[in-house]
PDB file of N, CA and C in Angstrom:
ATOM      1  N   UNK A   1     204.744 -35.323  22.080  1.00  0.00           N
ATOM      2  CA  UNK A   1     203.770 -34.905  21.112  1.00  0.00           C
ATOM      3  C   UNK A   1     202.482 -34.585  21.893  1.00  0.00           C
ATOM      4  N   UNK A   2     201.932 -33.451  21.597  1.00  0.00           N
ATOM      5  CA  UNK A   2     200.684 -33.007  22.270  1.00  0.00           C
ATOM      6  C   UNK A   2     199.495 -33.496  21.434  1.00  0.00           C
ATOM      7  N   UNK A   3     198.458 -33.900  22.123  1.00  0.00           N
ATOM      8  CA  UNK A   3     197.220 -34.303  21.470  1.00  0.00           C
ATOM      9  C   UNK A   3     196.119 -33.317  21.800  1.00  0.00           C
ATOM     10  N   UNK A   4     195.292 -33.041  20.802  1.00  0.00           N
ATOM     11  CA  UNK A   4     194.206 -32.076  21.018  1.00  0.00           C
ATOM     12  C   UNK A   4     192.959 -32.562  20.247  1.00  0.00           C
ATOM     13  N   UNK A   5     191.799 -32.377  20.868  1.00  0.00           N
ATOM     14  CA  UNK A   5     190.552 -32.750  20.221  1.00  0.00           C
ATOM     15  C   UNK A   5     190.280 -31.874  19.014  1.00  0.00           C
ATOM     16  N   UNK A   6     189.648 -32.411  18.008  1.00  0.00           N
ATOM     17  CA  UNK A   6     189.362 -31.670  16.764  1.00  0.00           C
ATOM     18  C   UNK A   6     188.572 -30.412  17.027  1.00  0.00           C
ATOM     19  N   UNK A   7     187.633 -30.444  17.954  1.00  0.00           N
ATOM     20  CA  UNK A   7     186.851 -29.240  18.257  1.00  0.00           C
ATOM     21  C   UNK A   7     187.733 -28.161  18.862  1.00  0.00           C
ATOM     22  N   UNK A   8     188.626 -28.535  19.744  1.00  0.00           N
ATOM     23  CA  UNK A   8     189.598 -27.585  20.285  1.00  0.00           C
ATOM     24  C   UNK A   8     190.556 -27.068  19.223  1.00  0.00           C
ATOM     25  N   UNK A   9     190.969 -27.938  18.360  1.00  0.00           N
ATOM     26  CA  UNK A   9     191.900 -27.557  17.269  1.00  0.00           C
ATOM     27  C   UNK A   9     191.262 -26.496  16.396  1.00  0.00           C
ATOM     28  N   UNK A  10     190.013 -26.624  16.109  1.00  0.00           N
ATOM     29  CA  UNK A  10     189.313 -25.618  15.322  1.00  0.00           C
ATOM     30  C   UNK A  10     189.311 -24.267  16.003  1.00  0.00           C
ATOM     31  N   UNK A  11     189.073 -24.266  17.306  1.00  0.00           N
ATOM     32  CA  UNK A  11     188.985 -23.019  18.044  1.00  0.00           C
ATOM     33  C   UNK A  11     190.365 -22.386  18.286  1.00  0.00           C
ATOM     34  N   UNK A  12     191.418 -23.240  18.326  1.00  0.00           N
ATOM     35  CA  UNK A  12     192.750 -22.777  18.699  1.00  0.00           C
ATOM     36  C   UNK A  12     193.767 -22.912  17.547  1.00  0.00           C
ATOM     37  N   UNK A  13     193.304 -22.888  16.304  1.00  0.00           N
ATOM     38  CA  UNK A  13     194.182 -23.166  15.176  1.00  0.00           C
ATOM     39  C   UNK A  13     195.414 -22.266  15.161  1.00  0.00           C
ATOM     40  N   UNK A  14     195.228 -20.983  15.375  1.00  0.00           N
ATOM     41  CA  UNK A  14     196.367 -20.054  15.314  1.00  0.00           C
ATOM     42  C   UNK A  14     197.433 -20.398  16.334  1.00  0.00           C
ATOM     43  N   UNK A  15     197.029 -20.703  17.573  1.00  0.00           N
ATOM     44  CA  UNK A  15     197.965 -21.084  18.650  1.00  0.00           C
ATOM     45  C   UNK A  15     198.654 -22.402  18.312  1.00  0.00           C
ATOM     46  N   UNK A  16     197.892 -23.320  17.746  1.00  0.00           N
ATOM     47  CA  UNK A  16     198.493 -24.602  17.366  1.00  0.00           C
ATOM     48  C   UNK A  16     199.543 -24.413  16.291  1.00  0.00           C
ATOM     49  N   UNK A  17     199.255 -23.590  15.296  1.00  0.00           N
ATOM     50  CA  UNK A  17     200.228 -23.355  14.237  1.00  0.00           C
ATOM     51  C   UNK A  17     201.464 -22.644  14.790  1.00  0.00           C
ATOM     52  N   UNK A  18     201.300 -21.770  15.747  1.00  0.00           N
ATOM     53  CA  UNK A  18     202.454 -21.139  16.383  1.00  0.00           C
ATOM     54  C   UNK A  18     203.321 -22.205  17.078  1.00  0.00           C
ATOM     55  N   UNK A  19     202.704 -23.158  17.758  1.00  0.00           N
ATOM     56  CA  UNK A  19     203.465 -24.217  18.427  1.00  0.00           C
ATOM     57  C   UNK A  19     204.195 -25.101  17.397  1.00  0.00           C
ATOM     58  N   UNK A  20     203.514 -25.426  16.332  1.00  0.00           N
ATOM     59  CA  UNK A  20     204.152 -26.244  15.303  1.00  0.00           C
ATOM     60  C   UNK A  20     205.322 -25.475  14.664  1.00  0.00           C
ATOM     61  N   UNK A  21     205.133 -24.206  14.479  1.00  0.00           N
ATOM     62  CA  UNK A  21     206.232 -23.398  13.914  1.00  0.00           C
ATOM     63  C   UNK A  21     207.448 -23.338  14.843  1.00  0.00           C
ATOM     64  N   UNK A  22     207.199 -23.441  16.160  1.00  0.00           N
ATOM     65  CA  UNK A  22     208.313 -23.483  17.131  1.00  0.00           C
ATOM     66  C   UNK A  22     208.920 -24.888  17.229  1.00  0.00           C
ATOM     67  N   UNK A  23     208.381 -25.860  16.489  1.00  0.00           N
ATOM     68  CA  UNK A  23     209.001 -27.206  16.452  1.00  0.00           C
ATOM     69  C   UNK A  23     208.200 -28.287  17.081  1.00  0.00           C
ATOM     70  N   UNK A  24     207.063 -27.971  17.651  1.00  0.00           N
ATOM     71  CA  UNK A  24     206.224 -28.966  18.297  1.00  0.00           C
ATOM     72  C   UNK A  24     205.385 -29.787  17.297  1.00  0.00           C
ATOM     73  N   UNK A  25     205.167 -31.030  17.584  1.00  0.00           N
ATOM     74  CA  UNK A  25     204.268 -31.856  16.778  1.00  0.00           C
ATOM     75  C   UNK A  25     202.948 -31.981  17.542  1.00  0.00           C
ATOM     76  N   UNK A  26     201.824 -31.802  16.838  1.00  0.00           N
ATOM     77  CA  UNK A  26     200.533 -31.837  17.471  1.00  0.00           C
ATOM     78  C   UNK A  26     199.662 -32.862  16.751  1.00  0.00           C
ATOM     79  N   UNK A  27     199.121 -33.816  17.528  1.00  0.00           N
ATOM     80  CA  UNK A  27     198.179 -34.809  16.992  1.00  0.00           C
ATOM     81  C   UNK A  27     196.777 -34.307  17.230  1.00  0.00           C
ATOM     82  N   UNK A  28     195.937 -34.447  16.241  1.00  0.00           N
ATOM     83  CA  UNK A  28     194.518 -34.045  16.354  1.00  0.00           C
ATOM     84  C   UNK A  28     193.692 -35.335  16.451  1.00  0.00           C
ATOM     85  N   UNK A  29     192.809 -35.336  17.451  1.00  0.00           N
ATOM     86  CA  UNK A  29     192.005 -36.557  17.702  1.00  0.00           C
ATOM     87  C   UNK A  29     190.515 -36.247  17.512  1.00  0.00           C
ATOM     88  N   UNK A  30     189.806 -37.337  17.197  1.00  0.00           N
ATOM     89  CA  UNK A  30     188.338 -37.255  17.120  1.00  0.00           C
ATOM     90  C   UNK A  30     187.857 -38.517  17.848  1.00  0.00           C
ATOM     91  N   UNK A  31     187.027 -38.298  18.833  1.00  0.00           N
ATOM     92  CA  UNK A  31     186.474 -39.388  19.663  1.00  0.00           C
ATOM     93  C   UNK A  31     187.613 -40.299  20.174  1.00  0.00           C
ATOM     94  N   UNK A  32     188.702 -39.670  20.622  1.00  0.00           N
ATOM     95  CA  UNK A  32     189.803 -40.404  21.189  1.00  0.00           C
ATOM     96  C   UNK A  32     190.741 -41.115  20.225  1.00  0.00           C
ATOM     97  N   UNK A  33     190.475 -40.991  18.910  1.00  0.00           N
ATOM     98  CA  UNK A  33     191.283 -41.604  17.893  1.00  0.00           C
ATOM     99  C   UNK A  33     192.079 -40.546  17.118  1.00  0.00           C
ATOM    100  N   UNK A  34     193.384 -40.792  16.938  1.00  0.00           N
ATOM    101  CA  UNK A  34     194.187 -39.826  16.164  1.00  0.00           C
ATOM    102  C   UNK A  34     193.751 -39.839  14.718  1.00  0.00           C
ATOM    103  N   UNK A  35     193.495 -38.647  14.196  1.00  0.00           N
ATOM    104  CA  UNK A  35     193.100 -38.529  12.782  1.00  0.00           C
ATOM    105  C   UNK A  35     194.052 -37.747  11.936  1.00  0.00           C
ATOM    106  N   UNK A  36     194.914 -36.947  12.581  1.00  0.00           N
ATOM    107  CA  UNK A  36     195.864 -36.099  11.854  1.00  0.00           C
ATOM    108  C   UNK A  36     197.020 -35.740  12.759  1.00  0.00           C
ATOM    109  N   UNK A  37     198.123 -35.377  12.126  1.00  0.00           N
ATOM    110  CA  UNK A  37     199.300 -34.925  12.904  1.00  0.00           C
ATOM    111  C   UNK A  37     199.866 -33.738  12.135  1.00  0.00           C
ATOM    112  N   UNK A  38     200.074 -32.644  12.891  1.00  0.00           N
ATOM    113  CA  UNK A  38     200.755 -31.475  12.329  1.00  0.00           C
ATOM    114  C   UNK A  38     202.207 -31.489  12.750  1.00  0.00           C
ATOM    115  N   UNK A  39     203.077 -31.449  11.810  1.00  0.00           N
ATOM    116  CA  UNK A  39     204.517 -31.456  12.102  1.00  0.00           C
ATOM    117  C   UNK A  39     205.197 -30.253  11.408  1.00  0.00           C
ATOM    118  N   UNK A  40     206.269 -29.780  12.015  1.00  0.00           N
ATOM    119  CA  UNK A  40     206.969 -28.625  11.429  1.00  0.00           C
ATOM    120  C   UNK A  40     207.572 -29.006  10.052  1.00  0.00           C
ATOM    121  N   UNK A  41     207.649 -28.046   9.183  1.00  0.00           N
ATOM    122  CA  UNK A  41     208.324 -28.260   7.929  1.00  0.00           C
ATOM    123  C   UNK A  41     209.808 -28.459   8.167  1.00  0.00           C
ATOM    124  N   UNK A  42     210.448 -29.455   7.564  1.00  0.00           N
ATOM    125  CA  UNK A  42     211.837 -29.723   7.828  1.00  0.00           C
ATOM    126  C   UNK A  42     212.710 -28.507   7.466  1.00  0.00           C
ATOM    127  N   UNK A  43     212.400 -27.824   6.388  1.00  0.00           N
ATOM    128  CA  UNK A  43     213.260 -26.706   5.985  1.00  0.00           C
ATOM    129  C   UNK A  43     213.149 -25.584   6.984  1.00  0.00           C
ATOM    130  N   UNK A  44     211.992 -25.364   7.572  1.00  0.00           N
ATOM    131  CA  UNK A  44     211.831 -24.345   8.582  1.00  0.00           C
ATOM    132  C   UNK A  44     212.683 -24.645   9.799  1.00  0.00           C
ATOM    133  N   UNK A  45     212.647 -25.880  10.202  1.00  0.00           N
ATOM    134  CA  UNK A  45     213.432 -26.341  11.360  1.00  0.00           C
ATOM    135  C   UNK A  45     214.916 -26.169  11.058  1.00  0.00           C
ATOM    136  N   UNK A  46     215.335 -26.524   9.866  1.00  0.00           N
ATOM    137  CA  UNK A  46     216.773 -26.372   9.506  1.00  0.00           C
ATOM    138  C   UNK A  46     217.159 -24.910   9.508  1.00  0.00           C
ATOM    139  N   UNK A  47     216.306 -24.036   9.027  1.00  0.00           N
ATOM    140  CA  UNK A  47     216.606 -22.610   9.041  1.00  0.00           C
ATOM    141  C   UNK A  47     216.764 -22.076  10.456  1.00  0.00           C
ATOM    142  N   UNK A  48     215.856 -22.498  11.359  1.00  0.00           N
ATOM    143  CA  UNK A  48     215.945 -22.097  12.764  1.00  0.00           C
ATOM    144  C   UNK A  48     217.224 -22.579  13.373  1.00  0.00           C
ATOM    145  N   UNK A  49     217.609 -23.824  13.093  1.00  0.00           N
ATOM    146  CA  UNK A  49     218.871 -24.401  13.642  1.00  0.00           C
ATOM    147  C   UNK A  49     220.066 -23.613  13.127  1.00  0.00           C
ATOM    148  N   UNK A  50     220.061 -23.305  11.852  1.00  0.00           N
ATOM    149  CA  UNK A  50     221.161 -22.589  11.247  1.00  0.00           C
ATOM    150  C   UNK A  50     221.297 -21.205  11.864  1.00  0.00           C
ATOM    151  N   UNK A  51     220.164 -20.522  12.098  1.00  0.00           N
ATOM    152  CA  UNK A  51     220.184 -19.231  12.734  1.00  0.00           C
ATOM    153  C   UNK A  51     220.697 -19.318  14.180  1.00  0.00           C
ATOM    154  N   UNK A  52     220.313 -20.337  14.863  1.00  0.00           N
ATOM    155  CA  UNK A  52     220.770 -20.530  16.292  1.00  0.00           C
ATOM    156  C   UNK A  52     222.278 -20.784  16.314  1.00  0.00           C
ATOM    157  N   UNK A  53     222.783 -21.570  15.393  1.00  0.00           N
ATOM    158  CA  UNK A  53     224.227 -21.820  15.339  1.00  0.00           C
ATOM    159  C   UNK A  53     224.991 -20.539  15.017  1.00  0.00           C
ATOM    160  N   UNK A  54     224.475 -19.734  14.097  1.00  0.00           N
ATOM    161  CA  UNK A  54     225.106 -18.494  13.738  1.00  0.00           C
ATOM    162  C   UNK A  54     225.102 -17.531  14.951  1.00  0.00           C
ATOM    163  N   UNK A  55     223.977 -17.492  15.696  1.00  0.00           N
ATOM    164  CA  UNK A  55     223.898 -16.650  16.865  1.00  0.00           C
ATOM    165  C   UNK A  55     224.905 -17.071  17.924  1.00  0.00           C
ATOM    166  N   UNK A  56     225.093 -18.370  18.093  1.00  0.00           N
ATOM    167  CA  UNK A  56     226.069 -18.853  19.036  1.00  0.00           C
ATOM    168  C   UNK A  56     227.473 -18.500  18.611  1.00  0.00           C
ATOM    169  N   UNK A  57     227.769 -18.596  17.340  1.00  0.00           N
ATOM    170  CA  UNK A  57     229.102 -18.226  16.840  1.00  0.00           C
ATOM    171  C   UNK A  57     229.332 -16.735  17.043  1.00  0.00           C
ATOM    172  N   UNK A  58     228.359 -15.894  16.774  1.00  0.00           N
ATOM    173  CA  UNK A  58     228.498 -14.446  16.961  1.00  0.00           C
ATOM    174  C   UNK A  58     228.689 -14.130  18.414  1.00  0.00           C
ATOM    175  N   UNK A  59     227.942 -14.844  19.288  1.00  0.00           N
ATOM    176  CA  UNK A  59     228.115 -14.660  20.752  1.00  0.00           C
ATOM    177  C   UNK A  59     229.506 -14.991  21.178  1.00  0.00           C
ATOM    178  N   UNK A  60     230.046 -16.113  20.667  1.00  0.00           N
ATOM    179  CA  UNK A  60     231.413 -16.511  20.990  1.00  0.00           C
ATOM    180  C   UNK A  60     232.448 -15.508  20.540  1.00  0.00           C
ATOM    181  N   UNK A  61     232.236 -14.886  19.365  1.00  0.00           N
ATOM    182  CA  UNK A  61     233.197 -13.887  18.884  1.00  0.00           C
ATOM    183  C   UNK A  61     233.122 -12.626  19.726  1.00  0.00           C
ATOM    184  N   UNK A  62     231.958 -12.276  20.217  1.00  0.00           N
ATOM    185  CA  UNK A  62     231.815 -11.080  21.052  1.00  0.00           C
ATOM    186  C   UNK A  62     232.298 -11.279  22.464  1.00  0.00           C
ATOM    187  N   UNK A  63     232.100 -12.466  22.984  1.00  0.00           N
ATOM    188  CA  UNK A  63     232.327 -12.715  24.434  1.00  0.00           C
ATOM    189  C   UNK A  63     233.425 -13.734  24.729  1.00  0.00           C
ATOM    190  N   UNK A  64     234.088 -14.228  23.698  1.00  0.00           N
ATOM    191  CA  UNK A  64     235.083 -15.273  23.914  1.00  0.00           C
ATOM    192  C   UNK A  64     234.422 -16.619  24.066  1.00  0.00           C
ATOM    193  N   UNK A  65     235.202 -17.609  24.138  1.00  0.00           N
ATOM    194  CA  UNK A  65     234.624 -18.959  24.189  1.00  0.00           C
ATOM    195  C   UNK A  65     234.043 -19.239  25.572  1.00  0.00           C
ATOM    196  N   UNK A  66     233.052 -20.111  25.608  1.00  0.00           N
ATOM    197  CA  UNK A  66     232.471 -20.523  26.862  1.00  0.00           C
ATOM    198  C   UNK A  66     232.447 -22.024  26.912  1.00  0.00           C
ATOM    199  N   UNK A  67     232.425 -22.570  28.107  1.00  0.00           N
ATOM    200  CA  UNK A  67     232.467 -24.034  28.255  1.00  0.00           C
ATOM    201  C   UNK A  67     231.059 -24.600  28.048  1.00  0.00           C
ATOM    202  N   UNK A  68     230.977 -25.882  27.816  1.00  0.00           N
ATOM    203  CA  UNK A  68     229.696 -26.566  27.678  1.00  0.00           C
ATOM    204  C   UNK A  68     228.873 -26.374  28.951  1.00  0.00           C
ATOM    205  N   UNK A  69     229.522 -26.443  30.141  1.00  0.00           N
ATOM    206  CA  UNK A  69     228.794 -26.275  31.386  1.00  0.00           C
ATOM    207  C   UNK A  69     228.188 -24.879  31.455  1.00  0.00           C
ATOM    208  N   UNK A  70     228.919 -23.855  31.024  1.00  0.00           N
ATOM    209  CA  UNK A  70     228.393 -22.501  31.046  1.00  0.00           C
ATOM    210  C   UNK A  70     227.212 -22.374  30.087  1.00  0.00           C
ATOM    211  N   UNK A  71     227.309 -22.975  28.934  1.00  0.00           N
ATOM    212  CA  UNK A  71     226.225 -22.963  27.956  1.00  0.00           C
ATOM    213  C   UNK A  71     224.982 -23.630  28.498  1.00  0.00           C
ATOM    214  N   UNK A  72     225.147 -24.786  29.128  1.00  0.00           N
ATOM    215  CA  UNK A  72     224.016 -25.511  29.709  1.00  0.00           C
ATOM    216  C   UNK A  72     223.391 -24.687  30.847  1.00  0.00           C
ATOM    217  N   UNK A  73     224.218 -24.094  31.655  1.00  0.00           N
ATOM    218  CA  UNK A  73     223.726 -23.270  32.728  1.00  0.00           C
ATOM    219  C   UNK A  73     222.916 -22.077  32.198  1.00  0.00           C
ATOM    220  N   UNK A  74     223.415 -21.431  31.159  1.00  0.00           N
ATOM    221  CA  UNK A  74     222.731 -20.300  30.564  1.00  0.00           C
ATOM    222  C   UNK A  74     221.371 -20.744  29.971  1.00  0.00           C
ATOM    223  N   UNK A  75     221.348 -21.926  29.372  1.00  0.00           N
ATOM    224  CA  UNK A  75     220.127 -22.454  28.814  1.00  0.00           C
ATOM    225  C   UNK A  75     219.082 -22.691  29.934  1.00  0.00           C
ATOM    226  N   UNK A  76     219.533 -23.240  31.036  1.00  0.00           N
ATOM    227  CA  UNK A  76     218.589 -23.516  32.134  1.00  0.00           C
ATOM    228  C   UNK A  76     218.042 -22.210  32.744  1.00  0.00           C
ATOM    229  N   UNK A  77     218.872 -21.191  32.724  1.00  0.00           N
ATOM    230  CA  UNK A  77     218.414 -19.912  33.293  1.00  0.00           C
ATOM    231  C   UNK A  77     217.527 -19.128  32.308  1.00  0.00           C
ATOM    232  N   UNK A  78     217.474 -19.577  31.067  1.00  0.00           N
ATOM    233  CA  UNK A  78     216.571 -18.928  30.089  1.00  0.00           C
ATOM    234  C   UNK A  78     217.253 -17.886  29.351  1.00  0.00           C
TER     235      UNK A  78
END
């Protein structure tokens, strides 16, 4: 979980919301004390996961099956 000062959060709100949308949780602090936490909506996360699973299935149908090692290697390579 990333922590950010409230003054920075105000200035960087759009970027913070982008990070939360990607699944990151962000804690907002004031004078070193956590005052709020932004977390992704569960339904949004579920939708992203469902789309990722569907993309993997489509990839498998196009390219044949791949091993777990190949999948992990591809993930590491980006």
